[in-house]
PDB file of all heavy atoms in Angstrom:
ATOM      1  N   TYR A   1     -33.900 -60.169 -38.005  1.00  0.00           N
ATOM      2  CA  TYR A   1     -33.917 -59.332 -39.195  1.00  0.00           C
ATOM      3  C   TYR A   1     -32.508 -58.954 -39.602  1.00  0.00           C
ATOM      4  O   TYR A   1     -32.150 -59.004 -40.775  1.00  0.00           O
ATOM      5  CB  TYR A   1     -34.781 -58.100 -38.940  1.00  0.00           C
ATOM      6  CG  TYR A   1     -34.905 -57.195 -40.135  1.00  0.00           C
ATOM      7  CD1 TYR A   1     -35.669 -57.575 -41.235  1.00  0.00           C
ATOM      8  CD2 TYR A   1     -34.267 -55.965 -40.174  1.00  0.00           C
ATOM      9  CE1 TYR A   1     -35.792 -56.750 -42.342  1.00  0.00           C
ATOM     10  CE2 TYR A   1     -34.385 -55.134 -41.269  1.00  0.00           C
ATOM     11  CZ  TYR A   1     -35.150 -55.533 -42.342  1.00  0.00           C
ATOM     12  OH  TYR A   1     -35.259 -54.712 -43.436  1.00  0.00           O
ATOM     13  N   HIS A   2     -31.672 -58.594 -38.638  1.00  0.00           N
ATOM     14  CA  HIS A   2     -30.293 -58.226 -38.931  1.00  0.00           C
ATOM     15  C   HIS A   2     -29.511 -59.431 -39.462  1.00  0.00           C
ATOM     16  O   HIS A   2     -28.693 -59.285 -40.369  1.00  0.00           O
ATOM     17  CB  HIS A   2     -29.603 -57.642 -37.698  1.00  0.00           C
ATOM     18  CG  HIS A   2     -30.117 -56.297 -37.329  1.00  0.00           C
ATOM     19  ND1 HIS A   2     -29.789 -55.152 -38.021  1.00  0.00           N
ATOM     20  CD2 HIS A   2     -30.973 -55.900 -36.355  1.00  0.00           C
ATOM     21  CE1 HIS A   2     -30.398 -54.114 -37.482  1.00  0.00           C
ATOM     22  NE2 HIS A   2     -31.122 -54.549 -36.463  1.00  0.00           N
ATOM     23  N   LEU A   3     -29.764 -60.591 -38.919  1.00  0.00           N
ATOM     24  CA  LEU A   3     -29.107 -61.794 -39.420  1.00  0.00           C
ATOM     25  C   LEU A   3     -29.522 -62.085 -40.858  1.00  0.00           C
ATOM     26  O   LEU A   3     -28.688 -62.482 -41.693  1.00  0.00           O
ATOM     27  CB  LEU A   3     -29.437 -63.001 -38.529  1.00  0.00           C
ATOM     28  CG  LEU A   3     -28.772 -63.025 -37.169  1.00  0.00           C
ATOM     29  CD1 LEU A   3     -29.320 -64.180 -36.332  1.00  0.00           C
ATOM     30  CD2 LEU A   3     -27.267 -63.146 -37.308  1.00  0.00           C
ATOM     31  N   GLU A   4     -30.789 -61.880 -41.163  1.00  0.00           N
ATOM     32  CA  GLU A   4     -31.263 -62.094 -42.527  1.00  0.00           C
ATOM     33  C   GLU A   4     -30.625 -61.100 -43.492  1.00  0.00           C
ATOM     34  O   GLU A   4     -30.274 -61.456 -44.614  1.00  0.00           O
ATOM     35  CB  GLU A   4     -32.782 -61.966 -42.581  1.00  0.00           C
ATOM     36  CG  GLU A   4     -33.491 -63.123 -41.907  1.00  0.00           C
ATOM     37  CD  GLU A   4     -34.981 -62.893 -41.737  1.00  0.00           C
ATOM     38  OE1 GLU A   4     -35.515 -61.885 -42.253  1.00  0.00           O
ATOM     39  OE2 GLU A   4     -35.630 -63.730 -41.094  1.00  0.00           O
ATOM     40  N   GLN A   5     -30.462 -59.862 -43.071  1.00  0.00           N
ATOM     41  CA  GLN A   5     -29.809 -58.868 -43.922  1.00  0.00           C
ATOM     42  C   GLN A   5     -28.351 -59.238 -44.167  1.00  0.00           C
ATOM     43  O   GLN A   5     -27.846 -59.112 -45.292  1.00  0.00           O
ATOM     44  CB  GLN A   5     -29.878 -57.486 -43.289  1.00  0.00           C
ATOM     45  CG  GLN A   5     -31.218 -56.825 -43.393  1.00  0.00           C
ATOM     46  CD  GLN A   5     -31.217 -55.422 -42.825  1.00  0.00           C
ATOM     47  OE1 GLN A   5     -30.643 -55.179 -41.758  1.00  0.00           O
ATOM     48  NE2 GLN A   5     -31.840 -54.516 -43.524  1.00  0.00           N
ATOM     49  N   ALA A   6     -27.657 -59.693 -43.128  1.00  0.00           N
ATOM     50  CA  ALA A   6     -26.254 -60.097 -43.276  1.00  0.00           C
ATOM     51  C   ALA A   6     -26.137 -61.293 -44.213  1.00  0.00           C
ATOM     52  O   ALA A   6     -25.255 -61.322 -45.083  1.00  0.00           O
ATOM     53  CB  ALA A   6     -25.662 -60.431 -41.906  1.00  0.00           C
ATOM     54  N   ALA A   7     -27.020 -62.262 -44.067  1.00  0.00           N
ATOM     55  CA  ALA A   7     -27.002 -63.427 -44.954  1.00  0.00           C
ATOM     56  C   ALA A   7     -27.282 -63.019 -46.390  1.00  0.00           C
ATOM     57  O   ALA A   7     -26.643 -63.527 -47.326  1.00  0.00           O
ATOM     58  CB  ALA A   7     -28.020 -64.458 -44.473  1.00  0.00           C
ATOM     59  N   ASP A   8     -28.210 -62.098 -46.583  1.00  0.00           N
ATOM     60  CA  ASP A   8     -28.536 -61.621 -47.926  1.00  0.00           C
ATOM     61  C   ASP A   8     -27.336 -60.926 -48.552  1.00  0.00           C
ATOM     62  O   ASP A   8     -27.026 -61.141 -49.738  1.00  0.00           O
ATOM     63  CB  ASP A   8     -29.728 -60.676 -47.869  1.00  0.00           C
ATOM     64  CG  ASP A   8     -30.216 -60.269 -49.243  1.00  0.00           C
ATOM     65  OD1 ASP A   8     -30.328 -61.152 -50.116  1.00  0.00           O
ATOM     66  OD2 ASP A   8     -30.509 -59.081 -49.433  1.00  0.00           O
ATOM     67  N   LEU A   9     -26.616 -60.119 -47.791  1.00  0.00           N
ATOM     68  CA  LEU A   9     -25.422 -59.446 -48.299  1.00  0.00           C
ATOM     69  C   LEU A   9     -24.360 -60.455 -48.692  1.00  0.00           C
ATOM     70  O   LEU A   9     -23.748 -60.348 -49.759  1.00  0.00           O
ATOM     71  CB  LEU A   9     -24.875 -58.466 -47.265  1.00  0.00           C
ATOM     72  CG  LEU A   9     -23.568 -57.769 -47.656  1.00  0.00           C
ATOM     73  CD1 LEU A   9     -23.761 -56.915 -48.904  1.00  0.00           C
ATOM     74  CD2 LEU A   9     -23.061 -56.919 -46.509  1.00  0.00           C
ATOM     75  N   MET A  10     -24.135 -61.460 -47.851  1.00  0.00           N
ATOM     76  CA  MET A  10     -23.128 -62.480 -48.160  1.00  0.00           C
ATOM     77  C   MET A  10     -23.479 -63.229 -49.443  1.00  0.00           C
ATOM     78  O   MET A  10     -22.625 -63.455 -50.299  1.00  0.00           O
ATOM     79  CB  MET A  10     -22.992 -63.475 -47.010  1.00  0.00           C
ATOM     80  CG  MET A  10     -22.289 -62.903 -45.815  1.00  0.00           C
ATOM     81  SD  MET A  10     -22.041 -64.137 -44.545  1.00  0.00           S
ATOM     82  CE  MET A  10     -23.261 -63.643 -43.368  1.00  0.00           C
ATOM     83  N   CYS A  11     -24.743 -63.591 -49.588  1.00  0.00           N
ATOM     84  CA  CYS A  11     -25.182 -64.299 -50.798  1.00  0.00           C
ATOM     85  C   CYS A  11     -25.044 -63.414 -52.028  1.00  0.00           C
ATOM     86  O   CYS A  11     -24.633 -63.885 -53.095  1.00  0.00           O
ATOM     87  CB  CYS A  11     -26.618 -64.776 -50.639  1.00  0.00           C
ATOM     88  SG  CYS A  11     -26.801 -66.091 -49.423  1.00  0.00           S
ATOM     89  N   THR A  12     -25.357 -62.138 -51.889  1.00  0.00           N
ATOM     90  CA  THR A  12     -25.230 -61.201 -53.001  1.00  0.00           C
ATOM     91  C   THR A  12     -23.780 -61.080 -53.448  1.00  0.00           C
ATOM     92  O   THR A  12     -23.482 -61.096 -54.645  1.00  0.00           O
ATOM     93  CB  THR A  12     -25.775 -59.813 -52.607  1.00  0.00           C
ATOM     94  OG1 THR A  12     -27.159 -59.946 -52.286  1.00  0.00           O
ATOM     95  CG2 THR A  12     -25.587 -58.796 -53.712  1.00  0.00           C
ATOM     96  N   ILE A  13     -22.875 -60.991 -52.499  1.00  0.00           N
ATOM     97  CA  ILE A  13     -21.455 -60.871 -52.839  1.00  0.00           C
ATOM     98  C   ILE A  13     -20.950 -62.147 -53.520  1.00  0.00           C
ATOM     99  O   ILE A  13     -20.247 -62.083 -54.529  1.00  0.00           O
ATOM    100  CB  ILE A  13     -20.626 -60.523 -51.590  1.00  0.00           C
ATOM    101  CG1 ILE A  13     -20.935 -59.080 -51.176  1.00  0.00           C
ATOM    102  CG2 ILE A  13     -19.129 -60.706 -51.852  1.00  0.00           C
ATOM    103  CD1 ILE A  13     -20.327 -58.641 -49.875  1.00  0.00           C
ATOM    104  N   GLU A  14     -21.339 -63.297 -53.011  1.00  0.00           N
ATOM    105  CA  GLU A  14     -20.903 -64.549 -53.628  1.00  0.00           C
ATOM    106  C   GLU A  14     -21.510 -64.719 -55.023  1.00  0.00           C
ATOM    107  O   GLU A  14     -20.822 -65.169 -55.947  1.00  0.00           O
ATOM    108  CB  GLU A  14     -21.237 -65.742 -52.731  1.00  0.00           C
ATOM    109  CG  GLU A  14     -20.412 -65.805 -51.463  1.00  0.00           C
ATOM    110  CD  GLU A  14     -18.909 -65.971 -51.685  1.00  0.00           C
ATOM    111  OE1 GLU A  14     -18.500 -66.503 -52.739  1.00  0.00           O
ATOM    112  OE2 GLU A  14     -18.141 -65.565 -50.806  1.00  0.00           O
ATOM    113  N   LEU A  15     -22.779 -64.362 -55.206  1.00  0.00           N
ATOM    114  CA  LEU A  15     -23.399 -64.446 -56.526  1.00  0.00           C
ATOM    115  C   LEU A  15     -22.730 -63.485 -57.505  1.00  0.00           C
ATOM    116  O   LEU A  15     -22.471 -63.840 -58.655  1.00  0.00           O
ATOM    117  CB  LEU A  15     -24.892 -64.133 -56.434  1.00  0.00           C
ATOM    118  CG  LEU A  15     -25.654 -64.116 -57.762  1.00  0.00           C
ATOM    119  CD1 LEU A  15     -25.597 -65.488 -58.434  1.00  0.00           C
ATOM    120  CD2 LEU A  15     -27.092 -63.688 -57.545  1.00  0.00           C
ATOM    121  N   THR A  16     -22.422 -62.289 -57.047  1.00  0.00           N
ATOM    122  CA  THR A  16     -21.743 -61.319 -57.902  1.00  0.00           C
ATOM    123  C   THR A  16     -20.358 -61.813 -58.292  1.00  0.00           C
ATOM    124  O   THR A  16     -19.920 -61.608 -59.429  1.00  0.00           O
ATOM    125  CB  THR A  16     -21.674 -59.953 -57.195  1.00  0.00           C
ATOM    126  OG1 THR A  16     -22.991 -59.558 -56.829  1.00  0.00           O
ATOM    127  CG2 THR A  16     -21.067 -58.890 -58.093  1.00  0.00           C
ATOM    128  N   THR A  17     -19.683 -62.490 -57.374  1.00  0.00           N
ATOM    129  CA  THR A  17     -18.378 -63.090 -57.695  1.00  0.00           C
ATOM    130  C   THR A  17     -18.512 -64.065 -58.845  1.00  0.00           C
ATOM    131  O   THR A  17     -17.723 -64.036 -59.800  1.00  0.00           O
ATOM    132  CB  THR A  17     -17.809 -63.823 -56.461  1.00  0.00           C
ATOM    133  OG1 THR A  17     -17.652 -62.890 -55.395  1.00  0.00           O
ATOM    134  CG2 THR A  17     -16.474 -64.465 -56.767  1.00  0.00           C
ATOM    135  N   LEU A  18     -19.512 -64.938 -58.775  1.00  0.00           N
ATOM    136  CA  LEU A  18     -19.729 -65.910 -59.841  1.00  0.00           C
ATOM    137  C   LEU A  18     -20.033 -65.217 -61.169  1.00  0.00           C
ATOM    138  O   LEU A  18     -19.537 -65.639 -62.226  1.00  0.00           O
ATOM    139  CB  LEU A  18     -20.866 -66.858 -59.466  1.00  0.00           C
ATOM    140  CG  LEU A  18     -20.612 -67.768 -58.269  1.00  0.00           C
ATOM    141  CD1 LEU A  18     -21.882 -68.547 -57.916  1.00  0.00           C
ATOM    142  CD2 LEU A  18     -19.456 -68.711 -58.548  1.00  0.00           C
ATOM    143  N   LYS A  19     -20.824 -64.148 -61.108  1.00  0.00           N
ATOM    144  CA  LYS A  19     -21.174 -63.432 -62.332  1.00  0.00           C
ATOM    145  C   LYS A  19     -19.950 -62.752 -62.943  1.00  0.00           C
ATOM    146  O   LYS A  19     -19.756 -62.793 -64.153  1.00  0.00           O
ATOM    147  CB  LYS A  19     -22.283 -62.415 -62.073  1.00  0.00           C
ATOM    148  CG  LYS A  19     -23.622 -63.064 -61.782  1.00  0.00           C
ATOM    149  CD  LYS A  19     -24.807 -62.122 -61.848  1.00  0.00           C
ATOM    150  CE  LYS A  19     -24.736 -60.963 -60.939  1.00  0.00           C
ATOM    151  NZ  LYS A  19     -25.978 -60.161 -60.901  1.00  0.00           N
ATOM    152  N   PHE A  20     -19.096 -62.137 -62.112  1.00  0.00           N
ATOM    153  CA  PHE A  20     -17.882 -61.512 -62.626  1.00  0.00           C
ATOM    154  C   PHE A  20     -16.974 -62.550 -63.261  1.00  0.00           C
ATOM    155  O   PHE A  20     -16.437 -62.345 -64.347  1.00  0.00           O
ATOM    156  CB  PHE A  20     -17.121 -60.777 -61.511  1.00  0.00           C
ATOM    157  CG  PHE A  20     -17.485 -59.328 -61.360  1.00  0.00           C
ATOM    158  CD1 PHE A  20     -18.046 -58.865 -60.188  1.00  0.00           C
ATOM    159  CD2 PHE A  20     -17.218 -58.410 -62.366  1.00  0.00           C
ATOM    160  CE1 PHE A  20     -18.371 -57.519 -60.024  1.00  0.00           C
ATOM    161  CE2 PHE A  20     -17.534 -57.058 -62.217  1.00  0.00           C
ATOM    162  CZ  PHE A  20     -18.113 -56.621 -61.047  1.00  0.00           C
ATOM    163  N   LYS A  21     -16.786 -63.684 -62.593  1.00  0.00           N
ATOM    164  CA  LYS A  21     -15.894 -64.727 -63.118  1.00  0.00           C
ATOM    165  C   LYS A  21     -16.402 -65.323 -64.419  1.00  0.00           C
ATOM    166  O   LYS A  21     -15.609 -65.723 -65.272  1.00  0.00           O
ATOM    167  CB  LYS A  21     -15.690 -65.822 -62.064  1.00  0.00           C
ATOM    168  CG  LYS A  21     -14.793 -65.368 -60.923  1.00  0.00           C
ATOM    169  CD  LYS A  21     -14.541 -66.502 -59.959  1.00  0.00           C
ATOM    170  CE  LYS A  21     -13.562 -66.068 -58.886  1.00  0.00           C
ATOM    171  NZ  LYS A  21     -13.270 -67.171 -57.953  1.00  0.00           N
ATOM    172  N   ALA A  22     -17.718 -65.396 -64.572  1.00  0.00           N
ATOM    173  CA  ALA A  22     -18.308 -65.958 -65.786  1.00  0.00           C
ATOM    174  C   ALA A  22     -18.438 -64.909 -66.892  1.00  0.00           C
ATOM    175  O   ALA A  22     -18.874 -65.225 -67.999  1.00  0.00           O
ATOM    176  CB  ALA A  22     -19.676 -66.560 -65.478  1.00  0.00           C
ATOM    177  N   GLY A  23     -18.080 -63.671 -66.599  1.00  0.00           N
ATOM    178  CA  GLY A  23     -18.203 -62.596 -67.572  1.00  0.00           C
ATOM    179  C   GLY A  23     -19.641 -62.184 -67.813  1.00  0.00           C
ATOM    180  O   GLY A  23     -19.975 -61.667 -68.874  1.00  0.00           O
ATOM    181  N   GLU A  24     -20.501 -62.402 -66.820  1.00  0.00           N
ATOM    182  CA  GLU A  24     -21.913 -62.100 -66.954  1.00  0.00           C
ATOM    183  C   GLU A  24     -22.375 -61.001 -65.999  1.00  0.00           C
ATOM    184  O   GLU A  24     -23.547 -60.925 -65.660  1.00  0.00           O
ATOM    185  CB  GLU A  24     -22.734 -63.368 -66.715  1.00  0.00           C
ATOM    186  CG  GLU A  24     -22.450 -64.466 -67.710  1.00  0.00           C
ATOM    187  CD  GLU A  24     -23.166 -65.758 -67.399  1.00  0.00           C
ATOM    188  OE1 GLU A  24     -23.860 -65.825 -66.352  1.00  0.00           O
ATOM    189  OE2 GLU A  24     -23.025 -66.702 -68.177  1.00  0.00           O
ATOM    190  N   SER A  25     -21.454 -60.154 -65.581  1.00  0.00           N
ATOM    191  CA  SER A  25     -21.834 -59.080 -64.664  1.00  0.00           C
ATOM    192  C   SER A  25     -22.727 -58.080 -65.386  1.00  0.00           C
ATOM    193  O   SER A  25     -22.612 -57.865 -66.589  1.00  0.00           O
ATOM    194  CB  SER A  25     -20.588 -58.385 -64.106  1.00  0.00           C
ATOM    195  OG  SER A  25     -19.791 -57.889 -65.150  1.00  0.00           O
ATOM    196  N   THR A  26     -23.628 -57.482 -64.632  1.00  0.00           N
ATOM    197  CA  THR A  26     -24.608 -56.564 -65.203  1.00  0.00           C
ATOM    198  C   THR A  26     -24.195 -55.117 -64.943  1.00  0.00           C
ATOM    199  O   THR A  26     -23.266 -54.839 -64.175  1.00  0.00           O
ATOM    200  CB  THR A  26     -25.987 -56.808 -64.571  1.00  0.00           C
ATOM    201  OG1 THR A  26     -25.900 -56.516 -63.165  1.00  0.00           O
ATOM    202  CG2 THR A  26     -26.456 -58.236 -64.774  1.00  0.00           C
ATOM    203  N   ASN A  27     -24.913 -54.192 -65.566  1.00  0.00           N
ATOM    204  CA  ASN A  27     -24.658 -52.772 -65.317  1.00  0.00           C
ATOM    205  C   ASN A  27     -24.899 -52.435 -63.852  1.00  0.00           C
ATOM    206  O   ASN A  27     -24.182 -51.620 -63.276  1.00  0.00           O
ATOM    207  CB  ASN A  27     -25.558 -51.900 -66.208  1.00  0.00           C
ATOM    208  CG  ASN A  27     -25.105 -51.897 -67.640  1.00  0.00           C
ATOM    209  OD1 ASN A  27     -23.932 -52.140 -67.922  1.00  0.00           O
ATOM    210  ND2 ASN A  27     -26.022 -51.624 -68.546  1.00  0.00           N
ATOM    211  N   THR A  28     -25.897 -53.070 -63.257  1.00  0.00           N
ATOM    212  CA  THR A  28     -26.177 -52.832 -61.830  1.00  0.00           C
ATOM    213  C   THR A  28     -25.004 -53.283 -60.971  1.00  0.00           C
ATOM    214  O   THR A  28     -24.637 -52.590 -60.014  1.00  0.00           O
ATOM    215  CB  THR A  28     -27.457 -53.568 -61.412  1.00  0.00           C
ATOM    216  OG1 THR A  28     -28.526 -53.145 -62.248  1.00  0.00           O
ATOM    217  CG2 THR A  28     -27.808 -53.281 -59.961  1.00  0.00           C
ATOM    218  N   ASP A  29     -24.409 -54.417 -61.293  1.00  0.00           N
ATOM    219  CA  ASP A  29     -23.231 -54.878 -60.555  1.00  0.00           C
ATOM    220  C   ASP A  29     -22.110 -53.849 -60.632  1.00  0.00           C
ATOM    221  O   ASP A  29     -21.474 -53.539 -59.626  1.00  0.00           O
ATOM    222  CB  ASP A  29     -22.722 -56.217 -61.113  1.00  0.00           C
ATOM    223  CG  ASP A  29     -23.708 -57.344 -60.929  1.00  0.00           C
ATOM    224  OD1 ASP A  29     -24.441 -57.332 -59.929  1.00  0.00           O
ATOM    225  OD2 ASP A  29     -23.732 -58.260 -61.784  1.00  0.00           O
ATOM    226  N   HIS A  30     -21.895 -53.308 -61.811  1.00  0.00           N
ATOM    227  CA  HIS A  30     -20.826 -52.325 -61.995  1.00  0.00           C
ATOM    228  C   HIS A  30     -21.146 -51.017 -61.270  1.00  0.00           C
ATOM    229  O   HIS A  30     -20.257 -50.378 -60.720  1.00  0.00           O
ATOM    230  CB  HIS A  30     -20.570 -52.080 -63.473  1.00  0.00           C
ATOM    231  CG  HIS A  30     -19.898 -53.237 -64.144  1.00  0.00           C
ATOM    232  ND1 HIS A  30     -18.555 -53.485 -64.044  1.00  0.00           N
ATOM    233  CD2 HIS A  30     -20.415 -54.250 -64.880  1.00  0.00           C
ATOM    234  CE1 HIS A  30     -18.258 -54.577 -64.707  1.00  0.00           C
ATOM    235  NE2 HIS A  30     -19.373 -55.076 -65.223  1.00  0.00           N
ATOM    236  N   LYS A  31     -22.420 -50.620 -61.252  1.00  0.00           N
ATOM    237  CA  LYS A  31     -22.792 -49.396 -60.542  1.00  0.00           C
ATOM    238  C   LYS A  31     -22.643 -49.571 -59.033  1.00  0.00           C
ATOM    239  O   LYS A  31     -22.227 -48.655 -58.328  1.00  0.00           O
ATOM    240  CB  LYS A  31     -24.236 -49.015 -60.872  1.00  0.00           C
ATOM    241  CG  LYS A  31     -24.400 -48.434 -62.255  1.00  0.00           C
ATOM    242  CD  LYS A  31     -25.853 -48.102 -62.541  1.00  0.00           C
ATOM    243  CE  LYS A  31     -26.031 -47.631 -63.963  1.00  0.00           C
ATOM    244  NZ  LYS A  31     -27.436 -47.392 -64.297  1.00  0.00           N
ATOM    245  N   MET A  32     -22.991 -50.749 -58.525  1.00  0.00           N
ATOM    246  CA  MET A  32     -22.926 -50.995 -57.086  1.00  0.00           C
ATOM    247  C   MET A  32     -21.497 -51.244 -56.600  1.00  0.00           C
ATOM    248  O   MET A  32     -21.088 -50.741 -55.564  1.00  0.00           O
ATOM    249  CB  MET A  32     -23.778 -52.208 -56.712  1.00  0.00           C
ATOM    250  CG  MET A  32     -25.251 -51.974 -56.717  1.00  0.00           C
ATOM    251  SD  MET A  32     -25.787 -50.862 -55.416  1.00  0.00           S
ATOM    252  CE  MET A  32     -25.365 -51.780 -53.964  1.00  0.00           C
ATOM    253  N   PHE A  33     -20.757 -52.071 -57.352  1.00  0.00           N
ATOM    254  CA  PHE A  33     -19.469 -52.568 -56.856  1.00  0.00           C
ATOM    255  C   PHE A  33     -18.256 -52.099 -57.644  1.00  0.00           C
ATOM    256  O   PHE A  33     -17.129 -52.299 -57.224  1.00  0.00           O
ATOM    257  CB  PHE A  33     -19.478 -54.103 -56.859  1.00  0.00           C
ATOM    258  CG  PHE A  33     -20.582 -54.706 -56.046  1.00  0.00           C
ATOM    259  CD1 PHE A  33     -21.596 -55.430 -56.650  1.00  0.00           C
ATOM    260  CD2 PHE A  33     -20.595 -54.574 -54.665  1.00  0.00           C
ATOM    261  CE1 PHE A  33     -22.614 -56.010 -55.898  1.00  0.00           C
ATOM    262  CE2 PHE A  33     -21.597 -55.151 -53.908  1.00  0.00           C
ATOM    263  CZ  PHE A  33     -22.609 -55.857 -54.527  1.00  0.00           C
ATOM    264  N   GLY A  34     -18.442 -51.507 -58.797  1.00  0.00           N
ATOM    265  CA  GLY A  34     -17.305 -51.112 -59.637  1.00  0.00           C
ATOM    266  C   GLY A  34     -16.850 -52.274 -60.500  1.00  0.00           C
ATOM    267  O   GLY A  34     -17.582 -53.226 -60.732  1.00  0.00           O
ATOM    268  N   ASP A  35     -15.600 -52.218 -60.934  1.00  0.00           N
ATOM    269  CA  ASP A  35     -15.076 -53.301 -61.765  1.00  0.00           C
ATOM    270  C   ASP A  35     -14.637 -54.474 -60.888  1.00  0.00           C
ATOM    271  O   ASP A  35     -14.733 -54.435 -59.664  1.00  0.00           O
ATOM    272  CB  ASP A  35     -13.920 -52.789 -62.639  1.00  0.00           C
ATOM    273  CG  ASP A  35     -12.729 -52.301 -61.825  1.00  0.00           C
ATOM    274  OD1 ASP A  35     -12.846 -52.231 -60.579  1.00  0.00           O
ATOM    275  OD2 ASP A  35     -11.693 -51.977 -62.421  1.00  0.00           O
ATOM    276  N   TRP A  36     -14.155 -55.550 -61.527  1.00  0.00           N
ATOM    277  CA  TRP A  36     -13.785 -56.769 -60.811  1.00  0.00           C
ATOM    278  C   TRP A  36     -12.723 -56.495 -59.744  1.00  0.00           C
ATOM    279  O   TRP A  36     -12.820 -56.947 -58.617  1.00  0.00           O
ATOM    280  CB  TRP A  36     -13.308 -57.817 -61.797  1.00  0.00           C
ATOM    281  CG  TRP A  36     -12.607 -58.979 -61.146  1.00  0.00           C
ATOM    282  CD1 TRP A  36     -11.305 -59.328 -61.313  1.00  0.00           C
ATOM    283  CD2 TRP A  36     -13.160 -59.941 -60.231  1.00  0.00           C
ATOM    284  NE1 TRP A  36     -11.008 -60.435 -60.552  1.00  0.00           N
ATOM    285  CE2 TRP A  36     -12.126 -60.831 -59.880  1.00  0.00           C
ATOM    286  CE3 TRP A  36     -14.415 -60.121 -59.657  1.00  0.00           C
ATOM    287  CZ2 TRP A  36     -12.318 -61.891 -58.999  1.00  0.00           C
ATOM    288  CZ3 TRP A  36     -14.597 -61.176 -58.776  1.00  0.00           C
ATOM    289  CH2 TRP A  36     -13.556 -62.047 -58.460  1.00  0.00           C
ATOM    290  N   ARG A  37     -11.707 -55.723 -60.098  1.00  0.00           N
ATOM    291  CA  ARG A  37     -10.602 -55.449 -59.158  1.00  0.00           C
ATOM    292  C   ARG A  37     -11.119 -54.718 -57.914  1.00  0.00           C
ATOM    293  O   ARG A  37     -10.800 -55.081 -56.786  1.00  0.00           O
ATOM    294  CB  ARG A  37      -9.538 -54.624 -59.863  1.00  0.00           C
ATOM    295  CG  ARG A  37      -8.317 -54.362 -59.015  1.00  0.00           C
ATOM    296  CD  ARG A  37      -7.262 -53.632 -59.851  1.00  0.00           C
ATOM    297  NE  ARG A  37      -6.072 -53.387 -59.068  1.00  0.00           N
ATOM    298  CZ  ARG A  37      -5.881 -52.311 -58.307  1.00  0.00           C
ATOM    299  NH1 ARG A  37      -6.802 -51.377 -58.248  1.00  0.00           N
ATOM    300  NH2 ARG A  37      -4.766 -52.156 -57.617  1.00  0.00           N
ATOM    301  N   THR A  38     -11.914 -53.694 -58.122  1.00  0.00           N
ATOM    302  CA  THR A  38     -12.472 -52.921 -57.013  1.00  0.00           C
ATOM    303  C   THR A  38     -13.392 -53.781 -56.155  1.00  0.00           C
ATOM    304  O   THR A  38     -13.331 -53.739 -54.932  1.00  0.00           O
ATOM    305  CB  THR A  38     -13.241 -51.701 -57.550  1.00  0.00           C
ATOM    306  OG1 THR A  38     -12.372 -50.937 -58.387  1.00  0.00           O
ATOM    307  CG2 THR A  38     -13.763 -50.840 -56.430  1.00  0.00           C
ATOM    308  N   PHE A  39     -14.231 -54.560 -56.809  1.00  0.00           N
ATOM    309  CA  PHE A  39     -15.141 -55.460 -56.094  1.00  0.00           C
ATOM    310  C   PHE A  39     -14.353 -56.448 -55.238  1.00  0.00           C
ATOM    311  O   PHE A  39     -14.664 -56.654 -54.063  1.00  0.00           O
ATOM    312  CB  PHE A  39     -16.013 -56.225 -57.104  1.00  0.00           C
ATOM    313  CG  PHE A  39     -16.803 -57.342 -56.497  1.00  0.00           C
ATOM    314  CD1 PHE A  39     -17.921 -57.091 -55.725  1.00  0.00           C
ATOM    315  CD2 PHE A  39     -16.418 -58.667 -56.688  1.00  0.00           C
ATOM    316  CE1 PHE A  39     -18.650 -58.129 -55.156  1.00  0.00           C
ATOM    317  CE2 PHE A  39     -17.128 -59.703 -56.130  1.00  0.00           C
ATOM    318  CZ  PHE A  39     -18.251 -59.432 -55.366  1.00  0.00           C
ATOM    319  N   LYS A  40     -13.329 -57.036 -55.820  1.00  0.00           N
ATOM    320  CA  LYS A  40     -12.541 -58.034 -55.103  1.00  0.00           C
ATOM    321  C   LYS A  40     -11.855 -57.426 -53.879  1.00  0.00           C
ATOM    322  O   LYS A  40     -11.864 -58.008 -52.802  1.00  0.00           O
ATOM    323  CB  LYS A  40     -11.510 -58.641 -56.059  1.00  0.00           C
ATOM    324  CG  LYS A  40     -10.769 -59.826 -55.498  1.00  0.00           C
ATOM    325  CD  LYS A  40      -9.952 -60.540 -56.551  1.00  0.00           C
ATOM    326  CE  LYS A  40      -8.843 -59.679 -57.042  1.00  0.00           C
ATOM    327  NZ  LYS A  40      -7.875 -60.390 -57.884  1.00  0.00           N
ATOM    328  N   GLN A  41     -11.282 -56.233 -54.049  1.00  0.00           N
ATOM    329  CA  GLN A  41     -10.590 -55.575 -52.951  1.00  0.00           C
ATOM    330  C   GLN A  41     -11.518 -55.127 -51.836  1.00  0.00           C
ATOM    331  O   GLN A  41     -11.232 -55.323 -50.659  1.00  0.00           O
ATOM    332  CB  GLN A  41      -9.850 -54.333 -53.453  1.00  0.00           C
ATOM    333  CG  GLN A  41      -8.509 -54.584 -54.041  1.00  0.00           C
ATOM    334  CD  GLN A  41      -7.877 -53.276 -54.437  1.00  0.00           C
ATOM    335  OE1 GLN A  41      -8.393 -52.561 -55.304  1.00  0.00           O
ATOM    336  NE2 GLN A  41      -6.780 -52.948 -53.821  1.00  0.00           N
TER     337      GLN A  41
END
């Protein structure tokens, strides 16, 4: 279960990276991670 949670987090971060780079980030992405600079750091 812990491995599945870790894998899910990694996939979420990589998907969010793609969304930020494509300019398709959502309000939820911004609420969870902040702007691109904050997310990247």
